[in-house]
Amino acid sequence: PANLVRLGRQIARSADAEDMEEEAELVRR
């Protein structure tokens, strides 16, 4: 499970949003 934590931290550091306009209205609101 330590690999899960390491991967989670890696994902959290690298995650950058791109386009939000294609999201469903419920999600955007």
PDB file of all heavy atoms in Angstrom:
ATOM      1  N   PRO A   1       0.797  -1.225   0.000  1.00  0.00           N
ATOM      2  CA  PRO A   1       0.000   0.000   0.000  1.00  0.00           C
ATOM      3  C   PRO A   1       0.833   1.280   0.000  1.00  0.00           C
ATOM      4  O   PRO A   1       0.321   2.340  -0.361  1.00  0.00           O
ATOM      5  CB  PRO A   1      -0.837  -0.114   1.280  1.00  0.00           C
ATOM      6  CG  PRO A   1      -0.875  -1.575   1.586  1.00  0.00           C
ATOM      7  CD  PRO A   1       0.448  -2.109   1.130  1.00  0.00           C
ATOM      8  N   ALA A   2       2.100   1.179   0.377  1.00  0.00           N
ATOM      9  CA  ALA A   2       2.959   2.365   0.326  1.00  0.00           C
ATOM     10  C   ALA A   2       3.084   2.891  -1.098  1.00  0.00           C
ATOM     11  O   ALA A   2       3.250   4.098  -1.319  1.00  0.00           O
ATOM     12  CB  ALA A   2       4.343   2.037   0.885  1.00  0.00           C
ATOM     13  N   ASN A   3       2.960   1.991  -2.067  1.00  0.00           N
ATOM     14  CA  ASN A   3       3.015   2.418  -3.467  1.00  0.00           C
ATOM     15  C   ASN A   3       1.793   3.242  -3.848  1.00  0.00           C
ATOM     16  O   ASN A   3       1.878   4.123  -4.708  1.00  0.00           O
ATOM     17  CB  ASN A   3       3.127   1.199  -4.384  1.00  0.00           C
ATOM     18  CG  ASN A   3       4.448   0.484  -4.229  1.00  0.00           C
ATOM     19  OD1 ASN A   3       5.473   1.118  -3.971  1.00  0.00           O
ATOM     20  ND2 ASN A   3       4.443  -0.835  -4.374  1.00  0.00           N
ATOM     21  N   LEU A   4       0.668   2.951  -3.209  1.00  0.00           N
ATOM     22  CA  LEU A   4      -0.539   3.745  -3.445  1.00  0.00           C
ATOM     23  C   LEU A   4      -0.324   5.179  -2.971  1.00  0.00           C
ATOM     24  O   LEU A   4      -0.682   6.132  -3.671  1.00  0.00           O
ATOM     25  CB  LEU A   4      -1.727   3.110  -2.708  1.00  0.00           C
ATOM     26  CG  LEU A   4      -3.025   3.928  -2.667  1.00  0.00           C
ATOM     27  CD1 LEU A   4      -3.562   4.180  -4.074  1.00  0.00           C
ATOM     28  CD2 LEU A   4      -4.081   3.208  -1.816  1.00  0.00           C
ATOM     29  N   VAL A   5       0.259   5.342  -1.803  1.00  0.00           N
ATOM     30  CA  VAL A   5       0.516   6.678  -1.263  1.00  0.00           C
ATOM     31  C   VAL A   5       1.492   7.439  -2.150  1.00  0.00           C
ATOM     32  O   VAL A   5       1.281   8.618  -2.457  1.00  0.00           O
ATOM     33  CB  VAL A   5       1.053   6.584   0.178  1.00  0.00           C
ATOM     34  CG1 VAL A   5       1.402   7.978   0.712  1.00  0.00           C
ATOM     35  CG2 VAL A   5       0.025   5.918   1.089  1.00  0.00           C
ATOM     36  N   ARG A   6       2.553   6.766  -2.576  1.00  0.00           N
ATOM     37  CA  ARG A   6       3.538   7.434  -3.444  1.00  0.00           C
ATOM     38  C   ARG A   6       2.907   7.882  -4.753  1.00  0.00           C
ATOM     39  O   ARG A   6       3.138   9.007  -5.218  1.00  0.00           O
ATOM     40  CB  ARG A   6       4.714   6.489  -3.712  1.00  0.00           C
ATOM     41  CG  ARG A   6       5.704   6.393  -2.570  1.00  0.00           C
ATOM     42  CD  ARG A   6       6.992   5.735  -3.002  1.00  0.00           C
ATOM     43  NE  ARG A   6       6.806   4.307  -3.239  1.00  0.00           N
ATOM     44  CZ  ARG A   6       6.983   3.377  -2.307  1.00  0.00           C
ATOM     45  NH1 ARG A   6       7.313   3.717  -1.070  1.00  0.00           N
ATOM     46  NH2 ARG A   6       6.815   2.096  -2.597  1.00  0.00           N
ATOM     47  N   LEU A   7       2.085   7.016  -5.340  1.00  0.00           N
ATOM     48  CA  LEU A   7       1.441   7.378  -6.602  1.00  0.00           C
ATOM     49  C   LEU A   7       0.441   8.507  -6.399  1.00  0.00           C
ATOM     50  O   LEU A   7       0.323   9.405  -7.232  1.00  0.00           O
ATOM     51  CB  LEU A   7       0.746   6.152  -7.203  1.00  0.00           C
ATOM     52  CG  LEU A   7       0.100   6.330  -8.579  1.00  0.00           C
ATOM     53  CD1 LEU A   7       1.136   6.798  -9.601  1.00  0.00           C
ATOM     54  CD2 LEU A   7      -0.551   5.030  -9.032  1.00  0.00           C
ATOM     55  N   GLY A   8      -0.291   8.471  -5.285  1.00  0.00           N
ATOM     56  CA  GLY A   8      -1.239   9.539  -4.993  1.00  0.00           C
ATOM     57  C   GLY A   8      -0.556  10.886  -4.880  1.00  0.00           C
ATOM     58  O   GLY A   8      -1.048  11.894  -5.395  1.00  0.00           O
ATOM     59  N   ARG A   9       0.590  10.921  -4.214  1.00  0.00           N
ATOM     60  CA  ARG A   9       1.334  12.178  -4.080  1.00  0.00           C
ATOM     61  C   ARG A   9       1.853  12.658  -5.429  1.00  0.00           C
ATOM     62  O   ARG A   9       1.838  13.854  -5.731  1.00  0.00           O
ATOM     63  CB  ARG A   9       2.486  11.982  -3.108  1.00  0.00           C
ATOM     64  CG  ARG A   9       2.042  11.808  -1.657  1.00  0.00           C
ATOM     65  CD  ARG A   9       3.194  11.428  -0.761  1.00  0.00           C
ATOM     66  NE  ARG A   9       2.756  11.284   0.627  1.00  0.00           N
ATOM     67  CZ  ARG A   9       3.497  10.742   1.583  1.00  0.00           C
ATOM     68  NH1 ARG A   9       4.721  10.285   1.292  1.00  0.00           N
ATOM     69  NH2 ARG A   9       3.032  10.655   2.817  1.00  0.00           N
ATOM     70  N   GLN A  10       2.283  11.722  -6.242  1.00  0.00           N
ATOM     71  CA  GLN A  10       2.766  12.082  -7.578  1.00  0.00           C
ATOM     72  C   GLN A  10       1.642  12.680  -8.418  1.00  0.00           C
ATOM     73  O   GLN A  10       1.827  13.686  -9.107  1.00  0.00           O
ATOM     74  CB  GLN A  10       3.323  10.834  -8.259  1.00  0.00           C
ATOM     75  CG  GLN A  10       3.801  11.042  -9.687  1.00  0.00           C
ATOM     76  CD  GLN A  10       4.244   9.741 -10.319  1.00  0.00           C
ATOM     77  OE1 GLN A  10       4.840   8.879  -9.664  1.00  0.00           O
ATOM     78  NE2 GLN A  10       3.937   9.570 -11.595  1.00  0.00           N
ATOM     79  N   ILE A  11       0.470  12.048  -8.353  1.00  0.00           N
ATOM     80  CA  ILE A  11      -0.699  12.542  -9.090  1.00  0.00           C
ATOM     81  C   ILE A  11      -1.074  13.938  -8.605  1.00  0.00           C
ATOM     82  O   ILE A  11      -1.360  14.845  -9.396  1.00  0.00           O
ATOM     83  CB  ILE A  11      -1.892  11.586  -8.923  1.00  0.00           C
ATOM     84  CG1 ILE A  11      -1.624  10.262  -9.637  1.00  0.00           C
ATOM     85  CG2 ILE A  11      -3.187  12.221  -9.405  1.00  0.00           C
ATOM     86  CD1 ILE A  11      -1.660  10.324 -11.137  1.00  0.00           C
ATOM     87  N   ALA A  12      -1.087  14.129  -7.296  1.00  0.00           N
ATOM     88  CA  ALA A  12      -1.491  15.414  -6.725  1.00  0.00           C
ATOM     89  C   ALA A  12      -0.547  16.534  -7.154  1.00  0.00           C
ATOM     90  O   ALA A  12      -0.976  17.673  -7.357  1.00  0.00           O
ATOM     91  CB  ALA A  12      -1.538  15.318  -5.203  1.00  0.00           C
ATOM     92  N   ARG A  13       0.744  16.234  -7.297  1.00  0.00           N
ATOM     93  CA  ARG A  13       1.717  17.258  -7.708  1.00  0.00           C
ATOM     94  C   ARG A  13       1.602  17.610  -9.185  1.00  0.00           C
ATOM     95  O   ARG A  13       1.781  18.766  -9.577  1.00  0.00           O
ATOM     96  CB  ARG A  13       3.144  16.769  -7.420  1.00  0.00           C
ATOM     97  CG  ARG A  13       3.538  16.780  -5.954  1.00  0.00           C
ATOM     98  CD  ARG A  13       5.044  16.626  -5.799  1.00  0.00           C
ATOM     99  NE  ARG A  13       5.525  15.396  -6.421  1.00  0.00           N
ATOM    100  CZ  ARG A  13       5.669  14.244  -5.778  1.00  0.00           C
ATOM    101  NH1 ARG A  13       5.352  14.171  -4.484  1.00  0.00           N
ATOM    102  NH2 ARG A  13       6.128  13.174  -6.389  1.00  0.00           N
ATOM    103  N   SER A  14       1.290  16.614 -10.005  1.00  0.00           N
ATOM    104  CA  SER A  14       1.344  16.816 -11.453  1.00  0.00           C
ATOM    105  C   SER A  14       0.011  17.212 -12.070  1.00  0.00           C
ATOM    106  O   SER A  14      -0.039  17.587 -13.238  1.00  0.00           O
ATOM    107  CB  SER A  14       1.849  15.537 -12.135  1.00  0.00           C
ATOM    108  OG  SER A  14       0.929  14.468 -11.909  1.00  0.00           O
ATOM    109  N   ALA A  15      -1.067  17.107 -11.312  1.00  0.00           N
ATOM    110  CA  ALA A  15      -2.396  17.327 -11.881  1.00  0.00           C
ATOM    111  C   ALA A  15      -2.637  18.793 -12.218  1.00  0.00           C
ATOM    112  O   ALA A  15      -2.563  19.655 -11.345  1.00  0.00           O
ATOM    113  CB  ALA A  15      -3.463  16.839 -10.905  1.00  0.00           C
ATOM    114  N   ASP A  16      -2.921  19.063 -13.471  1.00  0.00           N
ATOM    115  CA  ASP A  16      -3.270  20.404 -13.927  1.00  0.00           C
ATOM    116  C   ASP A  16      -4.505  20.308 -14.813  1.00  0.00           C
ATOM    117  O   ASP A  16      -4.580  19.469 -15.715  1.00  0.00           O
ATOM    118  CB  ASP A  16      -2.129  21.041 -14.733  1.00  0.00           C
ATOM    119  CG  ASP A  16      -0.930  21.370 -13.853  1.00  0.00           C
ATOM    120  OD1 ASP A  16      -1.151  21.970 -12.789  1.00  0.00           O
ATOM    121  OD2 ASP A  16       0.199  21.006 -14.238  1.00  0.00           O
ATOM    122  N   ALA A  17      -5.465  21.183 -14.563  1.00  0.00           N
ATOM    123  CA  ALA A  17      -6.704  21.167 -15.339  1.00  0.00           C
ATOM    124  C   ALA A  17      -6.496  21.824 -16.687  1.00  0.00           C
ATOM    125  O   ALA A  17      -5.676  22.717 -16.844  1.00  0.00           O
ATOM    126  CB  ALA A  17      -7.806  21.882 -14.577  1.00  0.00           C
ATOM    127  N   GLU A  18      -7.261  21.374 -17.643  1.00  0.00           N
ATOM    128  CA  GLU A  18      -7.248  22.000 -18.958  1.00  0.00           C
ATOM    129  C   GLU A  18      -8.607  22.669 -19.185  1.00  0.00           C
ATOM    130  O   GLU A  18      -8.924  23.654 -18.541  1.00  0.00           O
ATOM    131  CB  GLU A  18      -6.920  20.945 -20.014  1.00  0.00           C
ATOM    132  CG  GLU A  18      -5.505  20.385 -19.848  1.00  0.00           C
ATOM    133  CD  GLU A  18      -5.157  19.364 -20.897  1.00  0.00           C
ATOM    134  OE1 GLU A  18      -6.012  19.099 -21.771  1.00  0.00           O
ATOM    135  OE2 GLU A  18      -4.032  18.822 -20.853  1.00  0.00           O
ATOM    136  N   ASP A  19      -9.421  22.095 -20.045  1.00  0.00           N
ATOM    137  CA  ASP A  19     -10.697  22.725 -20.394  1.00  0.00           C
ATOM    138  C   ASP A  19     -11.798  22.264 -19.443  1.00  0.00           C
ATOM    139  O   ASP A  19     -11.999  21.068 -19.250  1.00  0.00           O
ATOM    140  CB  ASP A  19     -11.049  22.371 -21.833  1.00  0.00           C
ATOM    141  CG  ASP A  19     -12.305  23.082 -22.308  1.00  0.00           C
ATOM    142  OD1 ASP A  19     -12.755  24.015 -21.616  1.00  0.00           O
ATOM    143  OD2 ASP A  19     -12.835  22.694 -23.359  1.00  0.00           O
ATOM    144  N   MET A  20     -12.522  23.222 -18.844  1.00  0.00           N
ATOM    145  CA  MET A  20     -13.623  22.891 -17.949  1.00  0.00           C
ATOM    146  C   MET A  20     -14.977  23.022 -18.625  1.00  0.00           C
ATOM    147  O   MET A  20     -15.985  22.611 -18.077  1.00  0.00           O
ATOM    148  CB  MET A  20     -13.590  23.786 -16.710  1.00  0.00           C
ATOM    149  CG  MET A  20     -12.417  23.533 -15.784  1.00  0.00           C
ATOM    150  SD  MET A  20     -12.534  24.520 -14.273  1.00  0.00           S
ATOM    151  CE  MET A  20     -12.110  26.136 -14.928  1.00  0.00           C
ATOM    152  N   GLU A  21     -15.014  23.601 -19.797  1.00  0.00           N
ATOM    153  CA  GLU A  21     -16.284  23.924 -20.436  1.00  0.00           C
ATOM    154  C   GLU A  21     -17.016  22.697 -20.957  1.00  0.00           C
ATOM    155  O   GLU A  21     -18.219  22.751 -21.204  1.00  0.00           O
ATOM    156  CB  GLU A  21     -16.054  24.925 -21.573  1.00  0.00           C
ATOM    157  CG  GLU A  21     -15.398  26.221 -21.130  1.00  0.00           C
ATOM    158  CD  GLU A  21     -16.107  26.853 -19.944  1.00  0.00           C
ATOM    159  OE1 GLU A  21     -17.351  26.900 -19.948  1.00  0.00           O
ATOM    160  OE2 GLU A  21     -15.422  27.291 -19.000  1.00  0.00           O
ATOM    161  N   GLU A  22     -16.310  21.591 -21.136  1.00  0.00           N
ATOM    162  CA  GLU A  22     -16.952  20.389 -21.648  1.00  0.00           C
ATOM    163  C   GLU A  22     -17.570  19.541 -20.545  1.00  0.00           C
ATOM    164  O   GLU A  22     -18.173  18.508 -20.831  1.00  0.00           O
ATOM    165  CB  GLU A  22     -15.940  19.545 -22.438  1.00  0.00           C
ATOM    166  CG  GLU A  22     -15.452  20.220 -23.717  1.00  0.00           C
ATOM    167  CD  GLU A  22     -14.555  19.304 -24.530  1.00  0.00           C
ATOM    168  OE1 GLU A  22     -14.362  18.152 -24.105  1.00  0.00           O
ATOM    169  OE2 GLU A  22     -14.066  19.745 -25.583  1.00  0.00           O
ATOM    170  N   GLU A  23     -17.438  19.977 -19.314  1.00  0.00           N
ATOM    171  CA  GLU A  23     -18.029  19.233 -18.203  1.00  0.00           C
ATOM    172  C   GLU A  23     -19.552  19.378 -18.204  1.00  0.00           C
ATOM    173  O   GLU A  23     -20.100  20.387 -18.667  1.00  0.00           O
ATOM    174  CB  GLU A  23     -17.465  19.720 -16.874  1.00  0.00           C
ATOM    175  CG  GLU A  23     -15.960  19.597 -16.752  1.00  0.00           C
ATOM    176  CD  GLU A  23     -15.472  18.173 -16.895  1.00  0.00           C
ATOM    177  OE1 GLU A  23     -16.107  17.262 -16.319  1.00  0.00           O
ATOM    178  OE2 GLU A  23     -14.457  17.971 -17.579  1.00  0.00           O
ATOM    179  N   ALA A  24     -20.236  18.365 -17.676  1.00  0.00           N
ATOM    180  CA  ALA A  24     -21.690  18.412 -17.565  1.00  0.00           C
ATOM    181  C   ALA A  24     -22.100  19.606 -16.700  1.00  0.00           C
ATOM    182  O   ALA A  24     -21.375  20.021 -15.791  1.00  0.00           O
ATOM    183  CB  ALA A  24     -22.214  17.122 -16.955  1.00  0.00           C
ATOM    184  N   GLU A  25     -23.275  20.138 -16.980  1.00  0.00           N
ATOM    185  CA  GLU A  25     -23.743  21.320 -16.244  1.00  0.00           C
ATOM    186  C   GLU A  25     -23.804  21.054 -14.750  1.00  0.00           C
ATOM    187  O   GLU A  25     -23.432  21.908 -13.939  1.00  0.00           O
ATOM    188  CB  GLU A  25     -25.120  21.743 -16.759  1.00  0.00           C
ATOM    189  CG  GLU A  25     -25.648  22.985 -16.059  1.00  0.00           C
ATOM    190  CD  GLU A  25     -27.043  23.362 -16.519  1.00  0.00           C
ATOM    191  OE1 GLU A  25     -27.624  22.620 -17.338  1.00  0.00           O
ATOM    192  OE2 GLU A  25     -27.556  24.392 -16.049  1.00  0.00           O
ATOM    193  N   LEU A  26     -24.281  19.868 -14.363  1.00  0.00           N
ATOM    194  CA  LEU A  26     -24.344  19.535 -12.937  1.00  0.00           C
ATOM    195  C   LEU A  26     -22.969  19.644 -12.297  1.00  0.00           C
ATOM    196  O   LEU A  26     -22.828  20.176 -11.190  1.00  0.00           O
ATOM    197  CB  LEU A  26     -24.886  18.115 -12.760  1.00  0.00           C
ATOM    198  CG  LEU A  26     -24.818  17.545 -11.335  1.00  0.00           C
ATOM    199  CD1 LEU A  26     -25.707  18.342 -10.389  1.00  0.00           C
ATOM    200  CD2 LEU A  26     -25.194  16.070 -11.312  1.00  0.00           C
ATOM    201  N   VAL A  27     -21.948  19.172 -12.973  1.00  0.00           N
ATOM    202  CA  VAL A  27     -20.585  19.213 -12.439  1.00  0.00           C
ATOM    203  C   VAL A  27     -20.098  20.656 -12.337  1.00  0.00           C
ATOM    204  O   VAL A  27     -19.540  21.065 -11.309  1.00  0.00           O
ATOM    205  CB  VAL A  27     -19.639  18.378 -13.333  1.00  0.00           C
ATOM    206  CG1 VAL A  27     -18.191  18.530 -12.872  1.00  0.00           C
ATOM    207  CG2 VAL A  27     -20.057  16.906 -13.319  1.00  0.00           C
ATOM    208  N   ARG A  28     -20.314  21.456 -13.370  1.00  0.00           N
ATOM    209  CA  ARG A  28     -19.840  22.844 -13.360  1.00  0.00           C
ATOM    210  C   ARG A  28     -20.526  23.670 -12.286  1.00  0.00           C
ATOM    211  O   ARG A  28     -19.927  24.563 -11.687  1.00  0.00           O
ATOM    212  CB  ARG A  28     -20.060  23.480 -14.739  1.00  0.00           C
ATOM    213  CG  ARG A  28     -19.052  22.986 -15.779  1.00  0.00           C
ATOM    214  CD  ARG A  28     -19.162  23.747 -17.089  1.00  0.00           C
ATOM    215  NE  ARG A  28     -20.248  23.245 -17.919  1.00  0.00           N
ATOM    216  CZ  ARG A  28     -21.373  23.881 -18.182  1.00  0.00           C
ATOM    217  NH1 ARG A  28     -21.595  25.084 -17.642  1.00  0.00           N
ATOM    218  NH2 ARG A  28     -22.293  23.353 -18.959  1.00  0.00           N
ATOM    219  N   ARG A  29     -21.781  23.360 -12.005  1.00  0.00           N
ATOM    220  CA  ARG A  29     -22.531  24.142 -11.025  1.00  0.00           C
ATOM    221  C   ARG A  29     -22.269  23.716  -9.592  1.00  0.00           C
ATOM    222  O   ARG A  29     -22.639  24.421  -8.658  1.00  0.00           O
ATOM    223  CB  ARG A  29     -24.030  24.037 -11.322  1.00  0.00           C
ATOM    224  CG  ARG A  29     -24.446  24.657 -12.648  1.00  0.00           C
ATOM    225  CD  ARG A  29     -25.916  24.471 -12.908  1.00  0.00           C
ATOM    226  NE  ARG A  29     -26.754  25.196 -11.962  1.00  0.00           N
ATOM    227  CZ  ARG A  29     -28.086  25.164 -11.970  1.00  0.00           C
ATOM    228  NH1 ARG A  29     -28.728  24.448 -12.877  1.00  0.00           N
ATOM    229  NH2 ARG A  29     -28.781  25.854 -11.090  1.00  0.00           N
TER     230      ARG A  29
END
